[in-house]
Amino acid sequence: MKSKIYTVAFIMLISFVSYSQSFMEGFDRFSSKKIAYLTLADGSKVEGDIEDLDRKKGNISEITIKVDGKKKTYKPEQIKEMYLPASGLDKFSKQMEVGTNLSKDLNNDRITDGYGFFEYTQVDIKGKVQPLLMQLVNPGFHNKVRVYFNPFASETMSVGVGPMKVGGLDKSYFVKVGDKPAYKITKGDYDEQSKELFKGCAAAMAALKKDPDWNKFERIVYVHFGCK
């Protein structure tokens, strides 16, 4: 009996460690049945149901929500940050992959309830810096390197296990350090880019040297998060 208890405890511990250092997947579909929470550039709060969400070149270009029966439309530059509810299918398949660390600057309850967190930030795309609304995929261990979903990224092979997925990492993300614009990091250039990104953390560099595979990128970000 004790051996079974220890086995279950071990499995739970491994699961916790695994999820605590996993990226969320990017949300492609959003629910109109749950409240969306927006914080505008002037600091005011807006809550309502999503009526429409437009994209341009994969990025959010406009969002319309219904507030007290009236439709209100916002451009990215009007929004500081927002929590958008994933559709039922997205929530079912992706919610389990959220990091389990608590974050003081994010609403953890919303994230674990299937919301994606988006923020307005500067992004370098092919040498041109532009402001965009980007989904943070490493909530809970984002204080040193913020990793954003790339809506055009293809994905490496994954293995389905019920509603959960083992393996399978997007082939590119956008990363942001400090106040510098976010830039794209890719599977193809990961060897060189990762050395530059993590060079200030001995533990991350050691972990990177031990296993430089792209599929361990999220783990290295997590190790880097723990650097003093």
Protein backbone atom coordinates (compact mmCIF):
# COMPACT_ATOMS: atom_id res chain seq x y z
CA MET A 1 0.00 0.00 0.00
CA LYS A 2 2.79 2.42 0.93
CA SER A 3 4.61 1.69 -2.32
CA LYS A 4 1.47 2.64 -4.26
CA ILE A 5 1.15 5.88 -2.31
CA TYR A 6 4.80 6.72 -2.97
CA THR A 7 4.33 5.93 -6.66
CA VAL A 8 1.32 8.21 -6.94
CA ALA A 9 3.14 10.97 -5.05
CA PHE A 10 6.15 10.63 -7.34
CA ILE A 11 3.97 10.84 -10.45
CA MET A 12 2.23 13.95 -9.07
CA LEU A 13 5.59 15.55 -8.30
CA ILE A 14 6.91 14.84 -11.79
CA SER A 15 3.70 16.23 -13.28
CA PHE A 16 3.97 19.39 -11.18
CA VAL A 17 7.59 19.98 -12.19
CA SER A 18 6.74 19.32 -15.83
CA TYR A 19 3.79 21.70 -15.96
CA SER A 20 5.53 24.37 -13.90
CA GLN A 21 8.09 24.77 -16.66
CA SER A 22 5.81 24.32 -19.68
CA PHE A 23 4.66 26.96 -22.12
CA MET A 24 1.01 27.56 -22.76
CA GLU A 25 -0.05 27.04 -26.34
CA GLY A 26 -1.26 30.04 -28.26
CA PHE A 27 -5.03 30.45 -28.31
CA ASP A 28 -6.55 30.57 -31.78
CA ARG A 29 -10.22 30.61 -30.84
CA PHE A 30 -11.98 32.61 -28.17
CA SER A 31 -15.22 32.21 -26.29
CA SER A 32 -18.06 34.72 -26.51
CA LYS A 33 -19.74 33.09 -23.52
CA LYS A 34 -17.24 34.22 -20.89
CA ILE A 35 -16.20 37.72 -19.89
CA ALA A 36 -13.11 39.27 -21.48
CA TYR A 37 -11.09 41.60 -19.25
CA LEU A 38 -9.29 44.59 -20.78
CA THR A 39 -7.06 47.18 -19.16
CA LEU A 40 -6.81 50.21 -21.41
CA ALA A 41 -3.78 52.41 -21.98
CA ASP A 42 -5.17 55.03 -19.61
CA GLY A 43 -5.52 52.45 -16.83
CA SER A 44 -9.31 52.10 -17.00
CA LYS A 45 -10.89 48.64 -16.91
CA VAL A 46 -13.38 47.22 -19.42
CA GLU A 47 -15.25 43.93 -19.11
CA GLY A 48 -17.57 42.33 -21.63
CA ASP A 49 -18.30 39.50 -24.04
CA ILE A 50 -16.23 39.19 -27.22
CA GLU A 51 -18.30 40.14 -30.26
CA ASP A 52 -15.57 40.10 -32.87
CA LEU A 53 -11.80 39.81 -33.09
CA ASP A 54 -9.95 40.79 -36.26
CA ARG A 55 -6.43 39.82 -37.22
CA LYS A 56 -3.94 41.26 -39.66
CA LYS A 57 -1.00 39.11 -40.66
CA GLY A 58 -1.90 36.79 -37.78
CA ASN A 59 -1.80 39.50 -35.10
CA ILE A 60 -4.81 41.04 -33.35
CA SER A 61 -5.73 44.27 -35.14
CA GLU A 62 -9.05 45.00 -33.46
CA ILE A 63 -11.33 43.59 -30.78
CA THR A 64 -15.02 44.34 -30.28
CA ILE A 65 -16.70 43.50 -27.01
CA LYS A 66 -20.24 44.05 -25.75
CA VAL A 67 -20.41 46.12 -22.57
CA ASP A 68 -23.83 46.64 -20.98
CA GLY A 69 -25.51 45.77 -24.27
CA LYS A 70 -23.37 48.17 -26.33
CA LYS A 71 -20.56 47.21 -28.70
CA LYS A 72 -17.18 48.85 -28.14
CA THR A 73 -14.24 48.42 -30.48
CA TYR A 74 -10.60 48.82 -29.48
CA LYS A 75 -7.38 48.98 -31.45
CA PRO A 76 -4.16 47.47 -30.03
CA GLU A 77 -2.73 50.88 -29.14
CA GLN A 78 -5.74 51.53 -26.90
CA ILE A 79 -5.06 48.41 -24.83
CA LYS A 80 -2.37 47.87 -22.20
CA GLU A 81 -3.22 44.23 -21.45
CA MET A 82 -6.13 41.81 -21.57
CA TYR A 83 -7.32 38.39 -20.53
CA LEU A 84 -9.27 36.60 -23.25
CA PRO A 85 -11.18 33.36 -22.62
CA ALA A 86 -10.30 30.44 -24.87
CA SER A 87 -13.10 28.57 -26.61
CA GLY A 88 -14.22 25.32 -25.00
CA LEU A 89 -12.02 23.16 -27.24
CA ASP A 90 -8.94 25.33 -26.73
CA LYS A 91 -9.47 25.42 -22.99
CA PHE A 92 -9.94 21.65 -22.84
CA SER A 93 -6.75 20.85 -24.71
CA LYS A 94 -4.46 23.66 -23.60
CA GLN A 95 -5.37 24.74 -20.09
CA MET A 96 -3.38 21.92 -18.48
CA GLU A 97 -0.14 23.23 -19.97
CA VAL A 98 -0.11 26.50 -18.06
CA GLY A 99 2.78 27.07 -15.65
CA THR A 100 1.79 26.36 -12.06
CA ASN A 101 3.99 29.02 -10.44
CA LEU A 102 2.20 31.88 -8.78
CA SER A 103 2.81 35.30 -10.26
CA LYS A 104 2.23 38.54 -8.38
CA ASP A 105 1.70 40.64 -11.51
CA LEU A 106 -0.78 38.34 -13.27
CA ASN A 107 -4.23 37.05 -12.38
CA ASN A 108 -3.45 33.38 -11.82
CA ASP A 109 -7.08 32.38 -11.34
CA ARG A 110 -7.98 33.61 -14.80
CA ILE A 111 -5.04 31.90 -16.45
CA THR A 112 -5.78 28.53 -14.83
CA ASP A 113 -9.43 29.02 -15.82
CA GLY A 114 -8.47 28.95 -19.49
CA TYR A 115 -7.70 32.60 -20.22
CA GLY A 116 -4.85 33.82 -22.38
CA PHE A 117 -2.93 36.89 -21.19
CA PHE A 118 -2.08 39.45 -23.89
CA GLU A 119 -0.03 42.61 -23.52
CA TYR A 120 0.88 45.54 -25.73
CA THR A 121 4.59 45.55 -26.42
CA GLN A 122 7.21 46.53 -28.97
CA VAL A 123 8.20 43.74 -31.37
CA ASP A 124 11.05 43.60 -33.87
CA ILE A 125 9.85 41.92 -37.06
CA LYS A 126 12.48 41.68 -39.78
CA GLY A 127 14.26 44.76 -38.49
CA LYS A 128 11.12 46.87 -38.17
CA VAL A 129 9.93 47.61 -34.63
CA GLN A 130 6.17 47.78 -34.21
CA PRO A 131 3.74 47.65 -31.26
CA LEU A 132 1.56 44.53 -31.09
CA LEU A 133 -0.71 42.67 -28.70
CA MET A 134 1.17 39.48 -27.86
CA GLN A 135 0.10 36.41 -25.88
CA LEU A 136 2.47 35.51 -23.04
CA VAL A 137 3.07 31.75 -23.00
CA ASN A 138 5.27 31.46 -19.91
CA PRO A 139 3.13 33.04 -17.17
CA GLY A 140 4.57 32.33 -13.75
CA PHE A 141 8.20 32.25 -14.91
CA HIS A 142 8.28 35.29 -17.17
CA ASN A 143 10.06 37.88 -15.02
CA LYS A 144 13.41 37.59 -16.81
CA VAL A 145 12.48 36.37 -20.28
CA ARG A 146 8.97 36.95 -21.59
CA VAL A 147 8.05 34.42 -24.26
CA TYR A 148 5.25 35.25 -26.68
CA PHE A 149 3.23 33.09 -29.04
CA ASN A 150 4.05 33.47 -32.72
CA PRO A 151 0.74 33.04 -34.59
CA PHE A 152 2.58 31.91 -37.72
CA ALA A 153 4.81 29.33 -36.05
CA SER A 154 4.52 25.73 -37.16
CA GLU A 155 4.83 23.06 -34.50
CA THR A 156 7.18 20.15 -33.87
CA MET A 157 5.71 16.67 -33.62
CA SER A 158 3.68 15.87 -30.51
CA VAL A 159 2.03 12.83 -28.97
CA GLY A 160 -1.59 13.06 -27.83
CA VAL A 161 -2.54 11.66 -24.42
CA GLY A 162 -6.26 12.20 -23.94
CA PRO A 163 -6.86 15.95 -23.67
CA MET A 164 -3.18 16.52 -22.96
CA LYS A 165 -0.23 16.64 -25.29
CA VAL A 166 3.30 15.42 -24.65
CA GLY A 167 6.04 17.16 -26.58
CA GLY A 168 5.35 19.43 -29.50
CA LEU A 169 6.86 22.91 -29.30
CA ASP A 170 6.24 25.74 -31.73
CA LYS A 171 9.19 26.19 -34.09
CA SER A 172 9.51 29.85 -33.20
CA TYR A 173 8.51 32.32 -30.49
CA PHE A 174 9.11 35.95 -29.72
CA VAL A 175 11.20 36.68 -26.63
CA LYS A 176 11.57 39.92 -24.71
CA VAL A 177 14.26 40.83 -22.18
CA GLY A 178 13.87 43.98 -20.12
CA ASP A 179 12.70 47.02 -22.08
CA LYS A 180 14.16 45.91 -25.39
CA PRO A 181 11.76 45.02 -28.23
CA ALA A 182 10.74 41.38 -28.45
CA TYR A 183 12.45 39.44 -31.24
CA LYS A 184 11.94 36.09 -32.86
CA ILE A 185 13.83 33.03 -31.69
CA THR A 186 13.61 30.00 -33.98
CA LYS A 187 14.37 26.32 -33.91
CA GLY A 188 16.77 26.72 -36.83
CA ASP A 189 18.87 29.42 -35.14
CA TYR A 190 18.37 28.23 -31.56
CA ASP A 191 21.99 27.13 -31.04
CA GLU A 192 23.39 30.64 -31.45
CA GLN A 193 20.40 32.60 -30.19
CA SER A 194 20.13 30.62 -26.95
CA LYS A 195 23.76 31.25 -26.02
CA GLU A 196 23.20 34.98 -26.30
CA LEU A 197 19.83 34.88 -24.52
CA PHE A 198 21.00 32.89 -21.49
CA LYS A 199 24.64 33.97 -21.23
CA GLY A 200 24.11 35.79 -17.93
CA CYS A 201 22.95 32.69 -16.07
CA ALA A 202 25.48 29.94 -15.30
CA ALA A 203 22.78 27.40 -14.41
CA ALA A 204 20.91 28.00 -17.67
CA MET A 205 24.12 27.77 -19.69
CA ALA A 206 25.01 24.49 -17.96
CA ALA A 207 21.55 23.07 -18.67
CA LEU A 208 21.80 24.28 -22.25
CA LYS A 209 25.17 22.59 -22.70
CA LYS A 210 23.79 19.36 -21.27
CA ASP A 211 20.78 19.34 -23.56
CA PRO A 212 20.78 21.95 -26.36
CA ASP A 213 17.69 20.52 -28.07
CA TRP A 214 15.01 23.02 -29.10
CA ASN A 215 12.34 20.99 -27.33
CA LYS A 216 14.02 21.85 -24.02
CA PHE A 217 13.75 25.60 -24.65
CA GLU A 218 10.91 26.05 -22.15
CA ARG A 219 12.91 24.18 -19.49
CA ILE A 220 15.94 26.44 -20.01
CA VAL A 221 13.72 29.52 -19.71
CA TYR A 222 12.46 28.08 -16.42
CA VAL A 223 16.02 27.45 -15.15
CA HIS A 224 16.99 30.99 -16.15
CA PHE A 225 13.98 32.29 -14.21
CA GLY A 226 15.51 30.81 -11.04
CA CYS A 227 18.89 32.54 -11.49
CA LYS A 228 19.83 35.05 -8.80
